[in-house]
Amino acid sequence: MTDYRQLVENSIEKCQSSAADLRVAAKKTENTAAKNSFAQVAKDLEACVQKCRMALKQLS
């Protein structure tokens, strides 16, 4: 695997982990605004993951 491909794969894993952490934070907070913000950022990170995966497929 090319070095940059591994960098992207590592970034994907970090984003997925961060999204999971943010979902946990959303579940644990009682503040509705914070809960919604954490959940939205988690969704945004997952969208980034999908874009990165599509870009990697384009390199194949």
PDB file of N, CA and C in Angstrom:
ATOM      1  N   MET A   1       0.852  -1.183   0.000  1.00  0.00           N
ATOM      2  CA  MET A   1       0.000   0.000   0.000  1.00  0.00           C
ATOM      3  C   MET A   1       0.893   1.240   0.000  1.00  0.00           C
ATOM      4  N   THR A   2       0.548   2.181  -0.826  1.00  0.00           N
ATOM      5  CA  THR A   2       1.301   3.425  -0.921  1.00  0.00           C
ATOM      6  C   THR A   2       1.203   4.188   0.401  1.00  0.00           C
ATOM      7  N   ASP A   3       2.269   4.924   0.727  1.00  0.00           N
ATOM      8  CA  ASP A   3       2.318   5.643   1.999  1.00  0.00           C
ATOM      9  C   ASP A   3       1.097   6.536   2.221  1.00  0.00           C
ATOM     10  N   TYR A   4       0.693   7.288   1.206  1.00  0.00           N
ATOM     11  CA  TYR A   4      -0.433   8.201   1.402  1.00  0.00           C
ATOM     12  C   TYR A   4      -1.723   7.424   1.617  1.00  0.00           C
ATOM     13  N   ARG A   5      -1.852   6.259   1.020  1.00  0.00           N
ATOM     14  CA  ARG A   5      -3.049   5.438   1.242  1.00  0.00           C
ATOM     15  C   ARG A   5      -3.136   5.024   2.713  1.00  0.00           C
ATOM     16  N   GLN A   6      -2.001   4.652   3.284  1.00  0.00           N
ATOM     17  CA  GLN A   6      -1.979   4.271   4.690  1.00  0.00           C
ATOM     18  C   GLN A   6      -2.305   5.475   5.579  1.00  0.00           C
ATOM     19  N   LEU A   7      -1.815   6.646   5.193  1.00  0.00           N
ATOM     20  CA  LEU A   7      -2.148   7.863   5.941  1.00  0.00           C
ATOM     21  C   LEU A   7      -3.651   8.104   5.948  1.00  0.00           C
ATOM     22  N   VAL A   8      -4.277   7.917   4.794  1.00  0.00           N
ATOM     23  CA  VAL A   8      -5.715   8.119   4.693  1.00  0.00           C
ATOM     24  C   VAL A   8      -6.454   7.060   5.514  1.00  0.00           C
ATOM     25  N   GLU A   9      -6.017   5.814   5.426  1.00  0.00           N
ATOM     26  CA  GLU A   9      -6.638   4.745   6.219  1.00  0.00           C
ATOM     27  C   GLU A   9      -6.535   5.051   7.709  1.00  0.00           C
ATOM     28  N   ASN A  10      -5.378   5.529   8.142  1.00  0.00           N
ATOM     29  CA  ASN A  10      -5.191   5.898   9.549  1.00  0.00           C
ATOM     30  C   ASN A  10      -6.114   7.051   9.933  1.00  0.00           C
ATOM     31  N   SER A  11      -6.255   8.018   9.047  1.00  0.00           N
ATOM     32  CA  SER A  11      -7.147   9.152   9.309  1.00  0.00           C
ATOM     33  C   SER A  11      -8.587   8.692   9.418  1.00  0.00           C
ATOM     34  N   ILE A  12      -8.977   7.767   8.568  1.00  0.00           N
ATOM     35  CA  ILE A  12     -10.334   7.214   8.622  1.00  0.00           C
ATOM     36  C   ILE A  12     -10.586   6.567   9.978  1.00  0.00           C
ATOM     37  N   GLU A  13      -9.632   5.775  10.439  1.00  0.00           N
ATOM     38  CA  GLU A  13      -9.783   5.112  11.739  1.00  0.00           C
ATOM     39  C   GLU A  13      -9.902   6.133  12.870  1.00  0.00           C
ATOM     40  N   LYS A  14      -9.110   7.181  12.813  1.00  0.00           N
ATOM     41  CA  LYS A  14      -9.172   8.222  13.845  1.00  0.00           C
ATOM     42  C   LYS A  14     -10.521   8.934  13.816  1.00  0.00           C
ATOM     43  N   CYS A  15     -11.009   9.225  12.624  1.00  0.00           N
ATOM     44  CA  CYS A  15     -12.313   9.897  12.507  1.00  0.00           C
ATOM     45  C   CYS A  15     -13.435   9.012  13.038  1.00  0.00           C
ATOM     46  N   GLN A  16     -13.367   7.724  12.734  1.00  0.00           N
ATOM     47  CA  GLN A  16     -14.388   6.811  13.231  1.00  0.00           C
ATOM     48  C   GLN A  16     -14.347   6.733  14.759  1.00  0.00           C
ATOM     49  N   SER A  17     -13.154   6.697  15.309  1.00  0.00           N
ATOM     50  CA  SER A  17     -13.007   6.656  16.763  1.00  0.00           C
ATOM     51  C   SER A  17     -13.529   7.944  17.398  1.00  0.00           C
ATOM     52  N   SER A  18     -13.210   9.077  16.784  1.00  0.00           N
ATOM     53  CA  SER A  18     -13.682  10.361  17.300  1.00  0.00           C
ATOM     54  C   SER A  18     -15.199  10.457  17.214  1.00  0.00           C
ATOM     55  N   ALA A  19     -15.770   9.979  16.125  1.00  0.00           N
ATOM     56  CA  ALA A  19     -17.221  10.001  15.975  1.00  0.00           C
ATOM     57  C   ALA A  19     -17.877   9.155  17.071  1.00  0.00           C
ATOM     58  N   ALA A  20     -17.303   7.994  17.349  1.00  0.00           N
ATOM     59  CA  ALA A  20     -17.840   7.137  18.411  1.00  0.00           C
ATOM     60  C   ALA A  20     -17.744   7.834  19.765  1.00  0.00           C
ATOM     61  N   ASP A  21     -16.615   8.485  20.026  1.00  0.00           N
ATOM     62  CA  ASP A  21     -16.440   9.218  21.288  1.00  0.00           C
ATOM     63  C   ASP A  21     -17.478  10.333  21.421  1.00  0.00           C
ATOM     64  N   LEU A  22     -17.732  11.030  20.329  1.00  0.00           N
ATOM     65  CA  LEU A  22     -18.703  12.117  20.363  1.00  0.00           C
ATOM     66  C   LEU A  22     -20.127  11.602  20.592  1.00  0.00           C
ATOM     67  N   ARG A  23     -20.436  10.436  20.059  1.00  0.00           N
ATOM     68  CA  ARG A  23     -21.758   9.848  20.306  1.00  0.00           C
ATOM     69  C   ARG A  23     -21.914   9.484  21.784  1.00  0.00           C
ATOM     70  N   VAL A  24     -20.840   8.972  22.385  1.00  0.00           N
ATOM     71  CA  VAL A  24     -20.873   8.667  23.817  1.00  0.00           C
ATOM     72  C   VAL A  24     -21.077   9.954  24.612  1.00  0.00           C
ATOM     73  N   ALA A  25     -20.347  11.006  24.238  1.00  0.00           N
ATOM     74  CA  ALA A  25     -20.494  12.294  24.928  1.00  0.00           C
ATOM     75  C   ALA A  25     -21.920  12.811  24.780  1.00  0.00           C
ATOM     76  N   ALA A  26     -22.502  12.650  23.611  1.00  0.00           N
ATOM     77  CA  ALA A  26     -23.873  13.103  23.382  1.00  0.00           C
ATOM     78  C   ALA A  26     -24.855  12.362  24.285  1.00  0.00           C
ATOM     79  N   LYS A  27     -24.622  11.075  24.463  1.00  0.00           N
ATOM     80  CA  LYS A  27     -25.514  10.292  25.320  1.00  0.00           C
ATOM     81  C   LYS A  27     -25.366  10.656  26.788  1.00  0.00           C
ATOM     82  N   LYS A  28     -24.161  11.063  27.182  1.00  0.00           N
ATOM     83  CA  LYS A  28     -23.897  11.319  28.596  1.00  0.00           C
ATOM     84  C   LYS A  28     -24.276  12.725  29.053  1.00  0.00           C
ATOM     85  N   THR A  29     -24.343  13.664  28.129  1.00  0.00           N
ATOM     86  CA  THR A  29     -24.639  15.039  28.545  1.00  0.00           C
ATOM     87  C   THR A  29     -26.150  15.257  28.651  1.00  0.00           C
ATOM     88  N   GLU A  30     -26.523  16.086  29.592  1.00  0.00           N
ATOM     89  CA  GLU A  30     -27.933  16.424  29.752  1.00  0.00           C
ATOM     90  C   GLU A  30     -28.284  17.721  29.026  1.00  0.00           C
ATOM     91  N   ASN A  31     -27.259  18.455  28.607  1.00  0.00           N
ATOM     92  CA  ASN A  31     -27.472  19.719  27.906  1.00  0.00           C
ATOM     93  C   ASN A  31     -27.888  19.413  26.468  1.00  0.00           C
ATOM     94  N   THR A  32     -29.099  19.811  26.133  1.00  0.00           N
ATOM     95  CA  THR A  32     -29.654  19.489  24.819  1.00  0.00           C
ATOM     96  C   THR A  32     -28.849  20.090  23.671  1.00  0.00           C
ATOM     97  N   ALA A  33     -28.431  21.335  23.816  1.00  0.00           N
ATOM     98  CA  ALA A  33     -27.660  21.978  22.748  1.00  0.00           C
ATOM     99  C   ALA A  33     -26.344  21.254  22.529  1.00  0.00           C
ATOM    100  N   ALA A  34     -25.665  20.908  23.612  1.00  0.00           N
ATOM    101  CA  ALA A  34     -24.397  20.184  23.497  1.00  0.00           C
ATOM    102  C   ALA A  34     -24.629  18.801  22.912  1.00  0.00           C
ATOM    103  N   LYS A  35     -25.669  18.127  23.373  1.00  0.00           N
ATOM    104  CA  LYS A  35     -26.004  16.788  22.869  1.00  0.00           C
ATOM    105  C   LYS A  35     -26.198  16.825  21.354  1.00  0.00           C
ATOM    106  N   ASN A  36     -26.969  17.799  20.885  1.00  0.00           N
ATOM    107  CA  ASN A  36     -27.231  17.930  19.448  1.00  0.00           C
ATOM    108  C   ASN A  36     -25.968  18.269  18.673  1.00  0.00           C
ATOM    109  N   SER A  37     -25.142  19.119  19.246  1.00  0.00           N
ATOM    110  CA  SER A  37     -23.884  19.489  18.584  1.00  0.00           C
ATOM    111  C   SER A  37     -22.951  18.298  18.467  1.00  0.00           C
ATOM    112  N   PHE A  38     -22.802  17.545  19.555  1.00  0.00           N
ATOM    113  CA  PHE A  38     -21.936  16.366  19.522  1.00  0.00           C
ATOM    114  C   PHE A  38     -22.428  15.356  18.489  1.00  0.00           C
ATOM    115  N   ALA A  39     -23.731  15.133  18.466  1.00  0.00           N
ATOM    116  CA  ALA A  39     -24.305  14.183  17.511  1.00  0.00           C
ATOM    117  C   ALA A  39     -24.100  14.654  16.074  1.00  0.00           C
ATOM    118  N   GLN A  40     -24.252  15.946  15.832  1.00  0.00           N
ATOM    119  CA  GLN A  40     -24.068  16.475  14.484  1.00  0.00           C
ATOM    120  C   GLN A  40     -22.622  16.356  14.028  1.00  0.00           C
ATOM    121  N   VAL A  41     -21.696  16.662  14.914  1.00  0.00           N
ATOM    122  CA  VAL A  41     -20.277  16.549  14.558  1.00  0.00           C
ATOM    123  C   VAL A  41     -19.931  15.091  14.262  1.00  0.00           C
ATOM    124  N   ALA A  42     -20.498  14.158  15.017  1.00  0.00           N
ATOM    125  CA  ALA A  42     -20.263  12.737  14.747  1.00  0.00           C
ATOM    126  C   ALA A  42     -20.746  12.385  13.335  1.00  0.00           C
ATOM    127  N   LYS A  43     -21.912  12.884  12.960  1.00  0.00           N
ATOM    128  CA  LYS A  43     -22.430  12.651  11.603  1.00  0.00           C
ATOM    129  C   LYS A  43     -21.518  13.275  10.553  1.00  0.00           C
ATOM    130  N   ASP A  44     -21.033  14.473  10.840  1.00  0.00           N
ATOM    131  CA  ASP A  44     -20.129  15.148   9.909  1.00  0.00           C
ATOM    132  C   ASP A  44     -18.845  14.356   9.712  1.00  0.00           C
ATOM    133  N   LEU A  45     -18.315  13.811  10.799  1.00  0.00           N
ATOM    134  CA  LEU A  45     -17.103  12.995  10.690  1.00  0.00           C
ATOM    135  C   LEU A  45     -17.355  11.745   9.860  1.00  0.00           C
ATOM    136  N   GLU A  46     -18.506  11.117  10.052  1.00  0.00           N
ATOM    137  CA  GLU A  46     -18.838   9.937   9.251  1.00  0.00           C
ATOM    138  C   GLU A  46     -18.971  10.291   7.767  1.00  0.00           C
ATOM    139  N   ALA A  47     -19.487  11.474   7.481  1.00  0.00           N
ATOM    140  CA  ALA A  47     -19.568  11.920   6.089  1.00  0.00           C
ATOM    141  C   ALA A  47     -18.164  12.100   5.510  1.00  0.00           C
ATOM    142  N   CYS A  48     -17.262  12.622   6.312  1.00  0.00           N
ATOM    143  CA  CYS A  48     -15.868  12.767   5.870  1.00  0.00           C
ATOM    144  C   CYS A  48     -15.239  11.410   5.598  1.00  0.00           C
ATOM    145  N   VAL A  49     -15.534  10.450   6.451  1.00  0.00           N
ATOM    146  CA  VAL A  49     -15.016   9.093   6.263  1.00  0.00           C
ATOM    147  C   VAL A  49     -15.487   8.546   4.913  1.00  0.00           C
ATOM    148  N   GLN A  50     -16.762   8.737   4.612  1.00  0.00           N
ATOM    149  CA  GLN A  50     -17.297   8.244   3.340  1.00  0.00           C
ATOM    150  C   GLN A  50     -16.613   8.914   2.149  1.00  0.00           C
ATOM    151  N   LYS A  51     -16.362  10.205   2.251  1.00  0.00           N
ATOM    152  CA  LYS A  51     -15.681  10.923   1.178  1.00  0.00           C
ATOM    153  C   LYS A  51     -14.261  10.415   1.003  1.00  0.00           C
ATOM    154  N   CYS A  52     -13.581  10.143   2.095  1.00  0.00           N
ATOM    155  CA  CYS A  52     -12.225   9.615   2.013  1.00  0.00           C
ATOM    156  C   CYS A  52     -12.213   8.229   1.376  1.00  0.00           C
ATOM    157  N   ARG A  53     -13.184   7.404   1.739  1.00  0.00           N
ATOM    158  CA  ARG A  53     -13.271   6.061   1.136  1.00  0.00           C
ATOM    159  C   ARG A  53     -13.544   6.149  -0.355  1.00  0.00           C
ATOM    160  N   MET A  54     -14.408   7.061  -0.747  1.00  0.00           N
ATOM    161  CA  MET A  54     -14.689   7.222  -2.180  1.00  0.00           C
ATOM    162  C   MET A  54     -13.429   7.682  -2.910  1.00  0.00           C
ATOM    163  N   ALA A  55     -12.677   8.592  -2.312  1.00  0.00           N
ATOM    164  CA  ALA A  55     -11.456   9.059  -2.944  1.00  0.00           C
ATOM    165  C   ALA A  55     -10.457   7.917  -3.098  1.00  0.00           C
ATOM    166  N   LEU A  56     -10.335   7.066  -2.085  1.00  0.00           N
ATOM    167  CA  LEU A  56      -9.413   5.934  -2.180  1.00  0.00           C
ATOM    168  C   LEU A  56      -9.837   4.978  -3.281  1.00  0.00           C
ATOM    169  N   LYS A  57     -11.150   4.767  -3.435  1.00  0.00           N
ATOM    170  CA  LYS A  57     -11.636   3.891  -4.501  1.00  0.00           C
ATOM    171  C   LYS A  57     -11.303   4.450  -5.875  1.00  0.00           C
ATOM    172  N   GLN A  58     -11.306   5.775  -5.988  1.00  0.00           N
ATOM    173  CA  GLN A  58     -11.001   6.402  -7.269  1.00  0.00           C
ATOM    174  C   GLN A  58      -9.540   6.178  -7.663  1.00  0.00           C
ATOM    175  N   LEU A  59      -8.697   5.893  -6.694  1.00  0.00           N
ATOM    176  CA  LEU A  59      -7.280   5.661  -6.969  1.00  0.00           C
ATOM    177  C   LEU A  59      -7.010   4.233  -7.429  1.00  0.00           C
ATOM    178  N   SER A  60      -7.969   3.358  -7.239  1.00  0.00           N
ATOM    179  CA  SER A  60      -7.772   1.943  -7.593  1.00  0.00           C
ATOM    180  C   SER A  60      -7.700   1.742  -9.085  1.00  0.00           C
TER     181      SER A  60
END
